[in-house]
Amino acid sequence: MRTSLEWIGKIIKWTIKAIEIFLAAIVAILFICLSISVIPIVGTLYFVSTIRRGYHGICK
C-alpha cells in the first residue's frame, strides 16, 4: 500500500512540474508573439510620425 501511495505522490509531483513547464512555455510563446506583432506596429507609427514631423519642418 505504501509503495503505491509513494508512486501516486511522485506522479502528482511530476505532473505539477510538467504543467509548470507547459505554462511557462505558453507564456514565453505568447510574449514572443506579442513582441513580434507589437514591434512592427510601433515601428510603423514611429516612422509615420517622424515623416509627418519632417514634412511639417520642410513646409515651414
N, C-alpha and C. Protein backbone atom coordinates (compact mmCIF):
# COMPACT_ATOMS: atom_id res chain seq x y z
N MET A 1 0.84 -1.21 0.00
CA MET A 1 0.00 0.00 0.00
C MET A 1 0.88 1.26 0.00
N ARG A 2 1.93 1.24 0.81
CA ARG A 2 2.79 2.41 0.93
C ARG A 2 3.48 2.74 -0.39
N THR A 3 3.93 1.71 -1.10
CA THR A 3 4.63 1.95 -2.37
C THR A 3 3.70 2.59 -3.39
N SER A 4 2.45 2.16 -3.44
CA SER A 4 1.50 2.75 -4.39
C SER A 4 1.25 4.22 -4.07
N LEU A 5 1.18 4.55 -2.77
CA LEU A 5 1.00 5.95 -2.37
C LEU A 5 2.21 6.77 -2.77
N GLU A 6 3.41 6.21 -2.57
CA GLU A 6 4.63 6.92 -2.98
C GLU A 6 4.62 7.17 -4.49
N TRP A 7 4.19 6.17 -5.25
CA TRP A 7 4.13 6.31 -6.70
C TRP A 7 3.14 7.40 -7.10
N ILE A 8 1.98 7.41 -6.40
CA ILE A 8 0.97 8.44 -6.69
C ILE A 8 1.55 9.82 -6.40
N GLY A 9 2.26 9.92 -5.28
CA GLY A 9 2.89 11.20 -4.93
C GLY A 9 3.89 11.63 -5.98
N LYS A 10 4.73 10.69 -6.44
CA LYS A 10 5.72 11.01 -7.48
C LYS A 10 5.03 11.44 -8.76
N ILE A 11 3.97 10.71 -9.13
CA ILE A 11 3.24 11.05 -10.37
C ILE A 11 2.65 12.46 -10.26
N ILE A 12 2.07 12.77 -9.08
CA ILE A 12 1.47 14.10 -8.89
C ILE A 12 2.56 15.17 -8.99
N LYS A 13 3.72 14.93 -8.33
CA LYS A 13 4.82 15.90 -8.39
C LYS A 13 5.27 16.14 -9.83
N TRP A 14 5.47 15.04 -10.58
CA TRP A 14 5.91 15.17 -11.97
C TRP A 14 4.87 15.86 -12.83
N THR A 15 3.58 15.57 -12.54
CA THR A 15 2.50 16.21 -13.29
C THR A 15 2.52 17.72 -13.05
N ILE A 16 2.68 18.12 -11.78
CA ILE A 16 2.72 19.55 -11.45
C ILE A 16 3.92 20.21 -12.16
N LYS A 17 5.09 19.51 -12.11
CA LYS A 17 6.28 20.04 -12.80
C LYS A 17 6.01 20.23 -14.29
N ALA A 18 5.40 19.21 -14.89
CA ALA A 18 5.11 19.26 -16.33
C ALA A 18 4.16 20.41 -16.64
N ILE A 19 3.14 20.60 -15.79
CA ILE A 19 2.18 21.69 -16.00
C ILE A 19 2.90 23.04 -15.88
N GLU A 20 3.78 23.17 -14.87
CA GLU A 20 4.53 24.42 -14.70
C GLU A 20 5.37 24.74 -15.93
N ILE A 21 6.08 23.72 -16.43
CA ILE A 21 6.93 23.91 -17.62
C ILE A 21 6.06 24.29 -18.82
N PHE A 22 4.91 23.60 -18.96
CA PHE A 22 3.98 23.85 -20.06
C PHE A 22 3.47 25.28 -20.01
N LEU A 23 3.05 25.73 -18.82
CA LEU A 23 2.54 27.10 -18.66
C LEU A 23 3.63 28.12 -18.97
N ALA A 24 4.85 27.85 -18.48
CA ALA A 24 5.96 28.76 -18.75
C ALA A 24 6.22 28.87 -20.25
N ALA A 25 6.13 27.72 -20.94
CA ALA A 25 6.34 27.71 -22.39
C ALA A 25 5.25 28.52 -23.09
N ILE A 26 3.99 28.35 -22.65
CA ILE A 26 2.88 29.09 -23.26
C ILE A 26 3.08 30.58 -23.06
N VAL A 27 3.45 30.99 -21.84
CA VAL A 27 3.67 32.41 -21.55
C VAL A 27 4.80 32.96 -22.43
N ALA A 28 5.89 32.19 -22.54
CA ALA A 28 7.02 32.63 -23.36
C ALA A 28 6.60 32.79 -24.82
N ILE A 29 5.84 31.81 -25.33
CA ILE A 29 5.38 31.87 -26.73
C ILE A 29 4.47 33.08 -26.94
N LEU A 30 3.54 33.30 -26.00
CA LEU A 30 2.64 34.46 -26.11
C LEU A 30 3.43 35.76 -26.08
N PHE A 31 4.42 35.83 -25.19
CA PHE A 31 5.24 37.03 -25.08
C PHE A 31 5.98 37.30 -26.37
N ILE A 32 6.57 36.24 -26.94
CA ILE A 32 7.31 36.38 -28.21
C ILE A 32 6.36 36.83 -29.32
N CYS A 33 5.18 36.20 -29.39
CA CYS A 33 4.20 36.57 -30.42
C CYS A 33 3.78 38.02 -30.26
N LEU A 34 3.53 38.44 -29.03
CA LEU A 34 3.13 39.83 -28.77
C LEU A 34 4.22 40.79 -29.20
N SER A 35 5.47 40.50 -28.81
CA SER A 35 6.55 41.42 -29.17
C SER A 35 6.75 41.44 -30.68
N ILE A 36 6.59 40.28 -31.34
CA ILE A 36 6.74 40.24 -32.80
C ILE A 36 5.63 41.07 -33.46
N SER A 37 4.41 41.02 -32.92
CA SER A 37 3.30 41.74 -33.53
C SER A 37 3.30 43.22 -33.14
N VAL A 38 3.82 43.55 -31.95
CA VAL A 38 3.78 44.94 -31.48
C VAL A 38 4.91 45.77 -32.09
N ILE A 39 6.12 45.18 -32.18
CA ILE A 39 7.28 45.95 -32.65
C ILE A 39 7.04 46.56 -34.04
N PRO A 40 6.54 45.81 -35.04
CA PRO A 40 6.31 46.43 -36.35
C PRO A 40 5.28 47.56 -36.29
N ILE A 41 4.24 47.40 -35.46
CA ILE A 41 3.20 48.44 -35.35
C ILE A 41 3.83 49.71 -34.78
N VAL A 42 4.58 49.55 -33.67
CA VAL A 42 5.25 50.70 -33.05
C VAL A 42 6.24 51.33 -34.02
N GLY A 43 7.00 50.48 -34.71
CA GLY A 43 7.97 50.98 -35.68
C GLY A 43 7.30 51.77 -36.79
N THR A 44 6.18 51.25 -37.30
CA THR A 44 5.44 51.93 -38.36
C THR A 44 4.91 53.27 -37.88
N LEU A 45 4.31 53.27 -36.68
CA LEU A 45 3.78 54.52 -36.12
C LEU A 45 4.89 55.55 -35.94
N TYR A 46 6.03 55.10 -35.40
CA TYR A 46 7.17 56.00 -35.20
C TYR A 46 7.65 56.56 -36.54
N PHE A 47 7.74 55.67 -37.53
CA PHE A 47 8.19 56.06 -38.87
C PHE A 47 7.24 57.11 -39.45
N VAL A 48 5.92 56.85 -39.36
CA VAL A 48 4.92 57.78 -39.89
C VAL A 48 5.01 59.12 -39.18
N SER A 49 5.14 59.09 -37.83
CA SER A 49 5.19 60.34 -37.08
C SER A 49 6.45 61.14 -37.43
N THR A 50 7.57 60.46 -37.63
CA THR A 50 8.79 61.18 -38.00
C THR A 50 8.66 61.76 -39.39
N ILE A 51 8.03 61.03 -40.30
CA ILE A 51 7.82 61.54 -41.66
C ILE A 51 6.94 62.79 -41.61
N ARG A 52 5.86 62.72 -40.82
CA ARG A 52 4.97 63.89 -40.69
C ARG A 52 5.71 65.08 -40.11
N ARG A 53 6.52 64.82 -39.07
CA ARG A 53 7.28 65.90 -38.45
C ARG A 53 8.24 66.51 -39.46
N GLY A 54 8.92 65.64 -40.20
CA GLY A 54 9.84 66.11 -41.22
C GLY A 54 9.11 66.92 -42.29
N TYR A 55 7.92 66.46 -42.63
CA TYR A 55 7.08 67.12 -43.63
C TYR A 55 6.75 68.54 -43.19
N HIS A 56 6.31 68.66 -41.92
CA HIS A 56 5.96 69.99 -41.40
C HIS A 56 7.20 70.87 -41.37
N GLY A 57 8.34 70.27 -41.02
CA GLY A 57 9.59 71.05 -40.99
C GLY A 57 9.93 71.57 -42.37
N ILE A 58 9.72 70.75 -43.42
CA ILE A 58 10.02 71.15 -44.79
C ILE A 58 9.03 72.24 -45.23
N CYS A 59 7.75 72.06 -44.88
CA CYS A 59 6.73 73.02 -45.31
C CYS A 59 6.95 74.39 -44.70
N LYS A 60 7.43 74.43 -43.45
CA LYS A 60 7.68 75.72 -42.80
C LYS A 60 8.89 76.36 -43.47
